[in-house]
């Protein structure tokens, strides 16, 4: 009777394969030391930079939970002698219309993001795939407009909105903020990396240019589109100067503008100022926590990550 012995797995090969999987997950190459001095130094440097970056935000949060006396006292202290309180938040919420201003910010920032994505994506695709007269000069003109300070355009934009009878409307806040030349440049560079052969195959099957853009280019561009939408949304949410100029009706004010109208009769109140800043930044913190993977992936796919 002949017995068949099952082949035993190669233990060394299994260990090496397992180490390879672990190294891939850790972002390391095979043979690279996990605790190399360079990697430890980079991690320490990043931790130090993160602490320095977080200190102002942590100080704002700590100050917002102090009384006005403790916030203005010298020398400054992280821990107030009379303890923490939510008095500053209660005053800001009582004296202002936070829900309405938040709703206005949500409406305008969402509309700005959607319109900007539609306009910049179509423009970037045209610069990437179409060959038309003046294409090169027009693209360089868009790139050059990035260096123009937005403050220079405030007066002509306001007169334009005044002529169109759009002042004190949502459109006065939305339309001027939908122009983002930098996003056209970023999307164009990403579209250049998509193989043209994929589009040629679809066009052979009878798909038109817009069909190719909608069914092939956009699905392949989800990471960069998500990153651009987040950047535009954050910029629109934080914008104070233009909504402050374009609106005077308190029912149309965005959150950053509305919070600036919440003032005390006793002069500058540091705790209330910090509470207002925290309330304005809180939605953006939530957005970042939910979409941080898309932000990082968007940076990597645009070439900023060294790829």
Foldseek 3Di string as FASTA:
>chain_A
DDDDDDDDDDPVVVVQVVVCVVCVVVVHDPPDDPPDPVVVVVVVVVVVVVCVVCVVVLQLVQLLQPALCLNPDPPHDSAGPVGGHNVLVVLLVVQFPQVLQAVLLVVQLVLLLVLLLVVLLVLLVCLQPPDDPCSVVVLVVLVVCQPPDPVVCQVVLLVVCVVVVNFAHSCSLRVVLSRDSVLSVLNNLLLNPDDCVVVVVVVVVPDDPVRCCVPPVVVVCVLQSVQSSLVSSVCSLPDDPSLLVRHDDSSNHHLVPRSVVSDDPVPDRSSNVSSSVCVSCVVNVVVCVVCVVSNVVNCVSSCVVVD
